[in-house]
Amino acid sequence: MLAVGIVAVCAVLLVLAFLVPRLSRHPERGAQRSLGAGSRAAGKAPGPLGRWLAKPFHSGSRAVGRSGSAGRRARGRMPF
């Protein structure tokens, strides 16, 4: 369920970053902040379990950042 949500957020951010690059930063930061909170909460589990539980949130945060930057980069390469 978490993976589906992250994919949906990435797709929305990609389109938003392509259409309005400057306005896409705030939703991107919000998504990264919420995923970071989940990662911190899951990381409090003891031992290796904390690292394993936090990994999907950390990977999702990286994916959100990459999709936003990819949309802005693609917009910058457009000839018009």
PDB file of N, CA and C in Angstrom:
ATOM      1  N   MET A   1       0.825  -1.188   0.000  1.00  0.00           N
ATOM      2  CA  MET A   1       0.000   0.000   0.000  1.00  0.00           C
ATOM      3  C   MET A   1       0.873   1.257   0.000  1.00  0.00           C
ATOM      4  N   LEU A   2       1.969   1.205   0.732  1.00  0.00           N
ATOM      5  CA  LEU A   2       2.884   2.354   0.796  1.00  0.00           C
ATOM      6  C   LEU A   2       3.504   2.606  -0.569  1.00  0.00           C
ATOM      7  N   ALA A   3       3.858   1.541  -1.278  1.00  0.00           N
ATOM      8  CA  ALA A   3       4.479   1.693  -2.598  1.00  0.00           C
ATOM      9  C   ALA A   3       3.517   2.332  -3.587  1.00  0.00           C
ATOM     10  N   VAL A   4       2.257   1.969  -3.540  1.00  0.00           N
ATOM     11  CA  VAL A   4       1.262   2.547  -4.444  1.00  0.00           C
ATOM     12  C   VAL A   4       1.093   4.041  -4.159  1.00  0.00           C
ATOM     13  N   GLY A   5       1.081   4.389  -2.897  1.00  0.00           N
ATOM     14  CA  GLY A   5       0.961   5.795  -2.524  1.00  0.00           C
ATOM     15  C   GLY A   5       2.162   6.607  -2.975  1.00  0.00           C
ATOM     16  N   ILE A   6       3.351   6.042  -2.841  1.00  0.00           N
ATOM     17  CA  ILE A   6       4.565   6.751  -3.253  1.00  0.00           C
ATOM     18  C   ILE A   6       4.589   6.929  -4.764  1.00  0.00           C
ATOM     19  N   VAL A   7       4.173   5.909  -5.502  1.00  0.00           N
ATOM     20  CA  VAL A   7       4.128   6.016  -6.963  1.00  0.00           C
ATOM     21  C   VAL A   7       3.135   7.091  -7.383  1.00  0.00           C
ATOM     22  N   ALA A   8       1.998   7.156  -6.727  1.00  0.00           N
ATOM     23  CA  ALA A   8       0.994   8.176  -7.055  1.00  0.00           C
ATOM     24  C   ALA A   8       1.522   9.575  -6.764  1.00  0.00           C
ATOM     25  N   VAL A   9       2.164   9.753  -5.622  1.00  0.00           N
ATOM     26  CA  VAL A   9       2.724  11.064  -5.267  1.00  0.00           C
ATOM     27  C   VAL A   9       3.816  11.456  -6.254  1.00  0.00           C
ATOM     28  N   CYS A  10       4.656  10.501  -6.640  1.00  0.00           N
ATOM     29  CA  CYS A  10       5.721  10.789  -7.609  1.00  0.00           C
ATOM     30  C   CYS A  10       5.142  11.218  -8.951  1.00  0.00           C
ATOM     31  N   ALA A  11       4.084  10.549  -9.392  1.00  0.00           N
ATOM     32  CA  ALA A  11       3.476  10.897 -10.675  1.00  0.00           C
ATOM     33  C   ALA A  11       2.867  12.291 -10.628  1.00  0.00           C
ATOM     34  N   VAL A  12       2.185  12.606  -9.549  1.00  0.00           N
ATOM     35  CA  VAL A  12       1.592  13.940  -9.411  1.00  0.00           C
ATOM     36  C   VAL A  12       2.679  15.000  -9.359  1.00  0.00           C
ATOM     37  N   LEU A  13       3.744  14.747  -8.622  1.00  0.00           N
ATOM     38  CA  LEU A  13       4.828  15.725  -8.528  1.00  0.00           C
ATOM     39  C   LEU A  13       5.552  15.899  -9.855  1.00  0.00           C
ATOM     40  N   LEU A  14       5.705  14.831 -10.614  1.00  0.00           N
ATOM     41  CA  LEU A  14       6.349  14.932 -11.918  1.00  0.00           C
ATOM     42  C   LEU A  14       5.562  15.852 -12.842  1.00  0.00           C
ATOM     43  N   VAL A  15       4.253  15.652 -12.895  1.00  0.00           N
ATOM     44  CA  VAL A  15       3.403  16.495 -13.738  1.00  0.00           C
ATOM     45  C   VAL A  15       3.377  17.928 -13.216  1.00  0.00           C
ATOM     46  N   LEU A  16       3.248  18.078 -11.920  1.00  0.00           N
ATOM     47  CA  LEU A  16       3.211  19.416 -11.332  1.00  0.00           C
ATOM     48  C   LEU A  16       4.512  20.161 -11.553  1.00  0.00           C
ATOM     49  N   ALA A  17       5.636  19.472 -11.421  1.00  0.00           N
ATOM     50  CA  ALA A  17       6.939  20.105 -11.625  1.00  0.00           C
ATOM     51  C   ALA A  17       7.143  20.475 -13.083  1.00  0.00           C
ATOM     52  N   PHE A  18       6.547  19.728 -13.990  1.00  0.00           N
ATOM     53  CA  PHE A  18       6.676  20.061 -15.408  1.00  0.00           C
ATOM     54  C   PHE A  18       5.811  21.269 -15.758  1.00  0.00           C
ATOM     55  N   LEU A  19       4.605  21.330 -15.191  1.00  0.00           N
ATOM     56  CA  LEU A  19       3.693  22.418 -15.541  1.00  0.00           C
ATOM     57  C   LEU A  19       4.017  23.722 -14.818  1.00  0.00           C
ATOM     58  N   VAL A  20       4.254  23.658 -13.531  1.00  0.00           N
ATOM     59  CA  VAL A  20       4.561  24.858 -12.738  1.00  0.00           C
ATOM     60  C   VAL A  20       5.759  24.562 -11.836  1.00  0.00           C
ATOM     61  N   PRO A  21       6.976  24.714 -12.367  1.00  0.00           N
ATOM     62  CA  PRO A  21       8.167  24.292 -11.623  1.00  0.00           C
ATOM     63  C   PRO A  21       8.342  24.988 -10.273  1.00  0.00           C
ATOM     64  N   ARG A  22       8.058  26.265 -10.209  1.00  0.00           N
ATOM     65  CA  ARG A  22       8.300  26.985  -8.959  1.00  0.00           C
ATOM     66  C   ARG A  22       7.288  26.605  -7.878  1.00  0.00           C
ATOM     67  N   LEU A  23       6.072  26.308  -8.293  1.00  0.00           N
ATOM     68  CA  LEU A  23       5.035  25.958  -7.328  1.00  0.00           C
ATOM     69  C   LEU A  23       5.087  24.490  -6.897  1.00  0.00           C
ATOM     70  N   SER A  24       5.944  23.696  -7.520  1.00  0.00           N
ATOM     71  CA  SER A  24       6.009  22.276  -7.180  1.00  0.00           C
ATOM     72  C   SER A  24       6.911  22.009  -5.977  1.00  0.00           C
ATOM     73  N   ARG A  25       7.684  22.989  -5.564  1.00  0.00           N
ATOM     74  CA  ARG A  25       8.628  22.757  -4.461  1.00  0.00           C
ATOM     75  C   ARG A  25       7.920  22.547  -3.123  1.00  0.00           C
ATOM     76  N   HIS A  26       6.866  23.283  -2.871  1.00  0.00           N
ATOM     77  CA  HIS A  26       6.180  23.162  -1.583  1.00  0.00           C
ATOM     78  C   HIS A  26       5.537  21.777  -1.408  1.00  0.00           C
ATOM     79  N   PRO A  27       4.784  21.266  -2.393  1.00  0.00           N
ATOM     80  CA  PRO A  27       4.254  19.897  -2.226  1.00  0.00           C
ATOM     81  C   PRO A  27       5.355  18.840  -2.133  1.00  0.00           C
ATOM     82  N   GLU A  28       6.456  19.055  -2.841  1.00  0.00           N
ATOM     83  CA  GLU A  28       7.570  18.103  -2.770  1.00  0.00           C
ATOM     84  C   GLU A  28       8.148  18.068  -1.359  1.00  0.00           C
ATOM     85  N   ARG A  29       8.356  19.237  -0.792  1.00  0.00           N
ATOM     86  CA  ARG A  29       8.896  19.289   0.581  1.00  0.00           C
ATOM     87  C   ARG A  29       7.931  18.688   1.579  1.00  0.00           C
ATOM     88  N   GLY A  30       6.623  18.913   1.375  1.00  0.00           N
ATOM     89  CA  GLY A  30       5.627  18.325   2.273  1.00  0.00           C
ATOM     90  C   GLY A  30       5.641  16.807   2.222  1.00  0.00           C
ATOM     91  N   ALA A  31       5.751  16.262   1.019  1.00  0.00           N
ATOM     92  CA  ALA A  31       5.794  14.806   0.879  1.00  0.00           C
ATOM     93  C   ALA A  31       7.065  14.246   1.499  1.00  0.00           C
ATOM     94  N   GLN A  32       8.189  14.930   1.281  1.00  0.00           N
ATOM     95  CA  GLN A  32       9.441  14.460   1.870  1.00  0.00           C
ATOM     96  C   GLN A  32       9.406  14.569   3.394  1.00  0.00           C
ATOM     97  N   ARG A  33       8.765  15.605   3.912  1.00  0.00           N
ATOM     98  CA  ARG A  33       8.671  15.769   5.367  1.00  0.00           C
ATOM     99  C   ARG A  33       7.830  14.654   5.983  1.00  0.00           C
ATOM    100  N   SER A  34       6.714  14.303   5.340  1.00  0.00           N
ATOM    101  CA  SER A  34       5.877  13.237   5.897  1.00  0.00           C
ATOM    102  C   SER A  34       6.566  11.881   5.803  1.00  0.00           C
ATOM    103  N   LEU A  35       7.273  11.638   4.700  1.00  0.00           N
ATOM    104  CA  LEU A  35       8.016  10.378   4.593  1.00  0.00           C
ATOM    105  C   LEU A  35       9.177  10.338   5.584  1.00  0.00           C
ATOM    106  N   GLY A  36       9.790  11.473   5.840  1.00  0.00           N
ATOM    107  CA  GLY A  36      10.863  11.530   6.829  1.00  0.00           C
ATOM    108  C   GLY A  36      10.359  11.230   8.224  1.00  0.00           C
ATOM    109  N   ALA A  37       9.161  11.726   8.539  1.00  0.00           N
ATOM    110  CA  ALA A  37       8.575  11.440   9.850  1.00  0.00           C
ATOM    111  C   ALA A  37       8.286   9.947   9.997  1.00  0.00           C
ATOM    112  N   GLY A  38       7.792   9.338   8.937  1.00  0.00           N
ATOM    113  CA  GLY A  38       7.557   7.893   8.977  1.00  0.00           C
ATOM    114  C   GLY A  38       8.843   7.115   9.134  1.00  0.00           C
ATOM    115  N   SER A  39       9.891   7.581   8.474  1.00  0.00           N
ATOM    116  CA  SER A  39      11.193   6.921   8.572  1.00  0.00           C
ATOM    117  C   SER A  39      11.752   7.035   9.984  1.00  0.00           C
ATOM    118  N   ARG A  40      11.616   8.208  10.569  1.00  0.00           N
ATOM    119  CA  ARG A  40      12.121   8.393  11.940  1.00  0.00           C
ATOM    120  C   ARG A  40      11.341   7.541  12.934  1.00  0.00           C
ATOM    121  N   ALA A  41      10.026   7.466  12.756  1.00  0.00           N
ATOM    122  CA  ALA A  41       9.210   6.660  13.661  1.00  0.00           C
ATOM    123  C   ALA A  41       9.533   5.176  13.511  1.00  0.00           C
ATOM    124  N   ALA A  42       9.697   4.711  12.280  1.00  0.00           N
ATOM    125  CA  ALA A  42      10.002   3.299  12.061  1.00  0.00           C
ATOM    126  C   ALA A  42      11.421   2.971  12.506  1.00  0.00           C
ATOM    127  N   GLY A  43      12.312   3.927  12.428  1.00  0.00           N
ATOM    128  CA  GLY A  43      13.701   3.701  12.814  1.00  0.00           C
ATOM    129  C   GLY A  43      13.899   3.532  14.302  1.00  0.00           C
ATOM    130  N   LYS A  44      12.878   3.813  15.100  1.00  0.00           N
ATOM    131  CA  LYS A  44      13.006   3.667  16.552  1.00  0.00           C
ATOM    132  C   LYS A  44      12.837   2.229  17.004  1.00  0.00           C
ATOM    133  N   ALA A  45      12.485   1.354  16.096  1.00  0.00           N
ATOM    134  CA  ALA A  45      12.390  -0.067  16.443  1.00  0.00           C
ATOM    135  C   ALA A  45      13.802  -0.577  16.758  1.00  0.00           C
ATOM    136  N   PRO A  46      13.927  -1.541  17.634  1.00  0.00           N
ATOM    137  CA  PRO A  46      15.258  -1.978  18.056  1.00  0.00           C
ATOM    138  C   PRO A  46      16.017  -2.762  16.989  1.00  0.00           C
ATOM    139  N   GLY A  47      17.322  -2.513  16.963  1.00  0.00           N
ATOM    140  CA  GLY A  47      18.244  -3.285  16.129  1.00  0.00           C
ATOM    141  C   GLY A  47      18.019  -3.129  14.637  1.00  0.00           C
ATOM    142  N   PRO A  48      18.312  -4.207  13.913  1.00  0.00           N
ATOM    143  CA  PRO A  48      18.172  -4.156  12.452  1.00  0.00           C
ATOM    144  C   PRO A  48      16.730  -3.968  11.989  1.00  0.00           C
ATOM    145  N   LEU A  49      15.784  -4.310  12.834  1.00  0.00           N
ATOM    146  CA  LEU A  49      14.379  -4.146  12.484  1.00  0.00           C
ATOM    147  C   LEU A  49      14.057  -2.677  12.199  1.00  0.00           C
ATOM    148  N   GLY A  50      14.663  -1.780  12.951  1.00  0.00           N
ATOM    149  CA  GLY A  50      14.443  -0.350  12.727  1.00  0.00           C
ATOM    150  C   GLY A  50      14.945   0.092  11.369  1.00  0.00           C
ATOM    151  N   ARG A  51      16.098  -0.407  10.960  1.00  0.00           N
ATOM    152  CA  ARG A  51      16.626  -0.060   9.639  1.00  0.00           C
ATOM    153  C   ARG A  51      15.754  -0.637   8.533  1.00  0.00           C
ATOM    154  N   TRP A  52      15.283  -1.853   8.718  1.00  0.00           N
ATOM    155  CA  TRP A  52      14.455  -2.492   7.694  1.00  0.00           C
ATOM    156  C   TRP A  52      13.104  -1.791   7.556  1.00  0.00           C
ATOM    157  N   LEU A  53      12.537  -1.390   8.685  1.00  0.00           N
ATOM    158  CA  LEU A  53      11.234  -0.720   8.623  1.00  0.00           C
ATOM    159  C   LEU A  53      11.343   0.695   8.074  1.00  0.00           C
ATOM    160  N   ALA A  54      12.477   1.353   8.282  1.00  0.00           N
ATOM    161  CA  ALA A  54      12.641   2.734   7.824  1.00  0.00           C
ATOM    162  C   ALA A  54      13.031   2.818   6.355  1.00  0.00           C
ATOM    163  N   LYS A  55      13.538   1.730   5.801  1.00  0.00           N
ATOM    164  CA  LYS A  55      14.052   1.772   4.429  1.00  0.00           C
ATOM    165  C   LYS A  55      13.005   2.154   3.381  1.00  0.00           C
ATOM    166  N   PRO A  56      11.772   1.638   3.406  1.00  0.00           N
ATOM    167  CA  PRO A  56      10.794   2.056   2.389  1.00  0.00           C
ATOM    168  C   PRO A  56      10.503   3.555   2.442  1.00  0.00           C
ATOM    169  N   PHE A  57      10.481   4.127   3.636  1.00  0.00           N
ATOM    170  CA  PHE A  57      10.226   5.560   3.757  1.00  0.00           C
ATOM    171  C   PHE A  57      11.401   6.367   3.206  1.00  0.00           C
ATOM    172  N   HIS A  58      12.608   5.917   3.481  1.00  0.00           N
ATOM    173  CA  HIS A  58      13.792   6.611   2.985  1.00  0.00           C
ATOM    174  C   HIS A  58      13.863   6.529   1.462  1.00  0.00           C
ATOM    175  N   SER A  59      13.602   5.362   0.906  1.00  0.00           N
ATOM    176  CA  SER A  59      13.606   5.191  -0.546  1.00  0.00           C
ATOM    177  C   SER A  59      12.498   6.010  -1.194  1.00  0.00           C
ATOM    178  N   GLY A  60      11.354   6.076  -0.555  1.00  0.00           N
ATOM    179  CA  GLY A  60      10.245   6.869  -1.083  1.00  0.00           C
ATOM    180  C   GLY A  60      10.561   8.348  -1.087  1.00  0.00           C
ATOM    181  N   SER A  61      11.236   8.816  -0.053  1.00  0.00           N
ATOM    182  CA  SER A  61      11.625  10.221  -0.003  1.00  0.00           C
ATOM    183  C   SER A  61      12.591  10.568  -1.124  1.00  0.00           C
ATOM    184  N   ARG A  62      13.533   9.667  -1.386  1.00  0.00           N
ATOM    185  CA  ARG A  62      14.468   9.887  -2.500  1.00  0.00           C
ATOM    186  C   ARG A  62      13.733   9.894  -3.827  1.00  0.00           C
ATOM    187  N   ALA A  63      12.756   9.003  -3.991  1.00  0.00           N
ATOM    188  CA  ALA A  63      11.995   8.929  -5.235  1.00  0.00           C
ATOM    189  C   ALA A  63      11.175  10.190  -5.462  1.00  0.00           C
ATOM    190  N   VAL A  64      10.595  10.730  -4.407  1.00  0.00           N
ATOM    191  CA  VAL A  64       9.824  11.971  -4.522  1.00  0.00           C
ATOM    192  C   VAL A  64      10.730  13.109  -4.965  1.00  0.00           C
ATOM    193  N   GLY A  65      11.907  13.202  -4.388  1.00  0.00           N
ATOM    194  CA  GLY A  65      12.848  14.253  -4.781  1.00  0.00           C
ATOM    195  C   GLY A  65      13.307  14.109  -6.216  1.00  0.00           C
ATOM    196  N   ARG A  66      13.539  12.888  -6.625  1.00  0.00           N
ATOM    197  CA  ARG A  66      13.992  12.655  -8.002  1.00  0.00           C
ATOM    198  C   ARG A  66      12.901  12.956  -9.016  1.00  0.00           C
ATOM    199  N   SER A  67      11.659  12.610  -8.710  1.00  0.00           N
ATOM    200  CA  SER A  67      10.586  12.865  -9.674  1.00  0.00           C
ATOM    201  C   SER A  67      10.334  14.358  -9.822  1.00  0.00           C
ATOM    202  N   GLY A  68      10.404  15.097  -8.729  1.00  0.00           N
ATOM    203  CA  GLY A  68      10.235  16.544  -8.818  1.00  0.00           C
ATOM    204  C   GLY A  68      11.346  17.196  -9.611  1.00  0.00           C
ATOM    205  N   SER A  69      12.567  16.784  -9.354  1.00  0.00           N
ATOM    206  CA  SER A  69      13.693  17.382 -10.083  1.00  0.00           C
ATOM    207  C   SER A  69      13.676  16.964 -11.544  1.00  0.00           C
ATOM    208  N   ALA A  70      13.207  15.757 -11.846  1.00  0.00           N
ATOM    209  CA  ALA A  70      13.121  15.315 -13.236  1.00  0.00           C
ATOM    210  C   ALA A  70      12.100  16.136 -14.012  1.00  0.00           C
ATOM    211  N   GLY A  71      10.982  16.467 -13.382  1.00  0.00           N
ATOM    212  CA  GLY A  71       9.981  17.298 -14.045  1.00  0.00           C
ATOM    213  C   GLY A  71      10.502  18.699 -14.319  1.00  0.00           C
ATOM    214  N   ARG A  72      11.189  19.267 -13.339  1.00  0.00           N
ATOM    215  CA  ARG A  72      11.758  20.615 -13.543  1.00  0.00           C
ATOM    216  C   ARG A  72      12.866  20.589 -14.586  1.00  0.00           C
ATOM    217  N   ARG A  73      13.664  19.541 -14.600  1.00  0.00           N
ATOM    218  CA  ARG A  73      14.741  19.422 -15.591  1.00  0.00           C
ATOM    219  C   ARG A  73      14.165  19.271 -16.997  1.00  0.00           C
ATOM    220  N   ALA A  74      13.104  18.484 -17.149  1.00  0.00           N
ATOM    221  CA  ALA A  74      12.476  18.296 -18.455  1.00  0.00           C
ATOM    222  C   ALA A  74      11.847  19.605 -18.934  1.00  0.00           C
ATOM    223  N   ARG A  75      11.270  20.352 -18.018  1.00  0.00           N
ATOM    224  CA  ARG A  75      10.690  21.639 -18.391  1.00  0.00           C
ATOM    225  C   ARG A  75      11.777  22.596 -18.872  1.00  0.00           C
ATOM    226  N   GLY A  76      12.927  22.558 -18.246  1.00  0.00           N
ATOM    227  CA  GLY A  76      14.038  23.427 -18.639  1.00  0.00           C
ATOM    228  C   GLY A  76      14.609  23.085 -20.002  1.00  0.00           C
ATOM    229  N   ARG A  77      14.445  21.851 -20.441  1.00  0.00           N
ATOM    230  CA  ARG A  77      14.969  21.417 -21.738  1.00  0.00           C
ATOM    231  C   ARG A  77      14.013  21.663 -22.886  1.00  0.00           C
ATOM    232  N   MET A  78      12.812  22.089 -22.582  1.00  0.00           N
ATOM    233  CA  MET A  78      11.837  22.326 -23.643  1.00  0.00           C
ATOM    234  C   MET A  78      12.282  23.511 -24.502  1.00  0.00           C
ATOM    235  N   PRO A  79      12.064  23.430 -25.818  1.00  0.00           N
ATOM    236  CA  PRO A  79      12.548  24.496 -26.699  1.00  0.00           C
ATOM    237  C   PRO A  79      11.739  25.790 -26.644  1.00  0.00           C
ATOM    238  N   PHE A  80      10.594  25.771 -26.022  1.00  0.00           N
ATOM    239  CA  PHE A  80       9.762  26.987 -25.970  1.00  0.00           C
ATOM    240  C   PHE A  80       9.690  27.568 -24.599  1.00  0.00           C
TER     241      PHE A  80
END
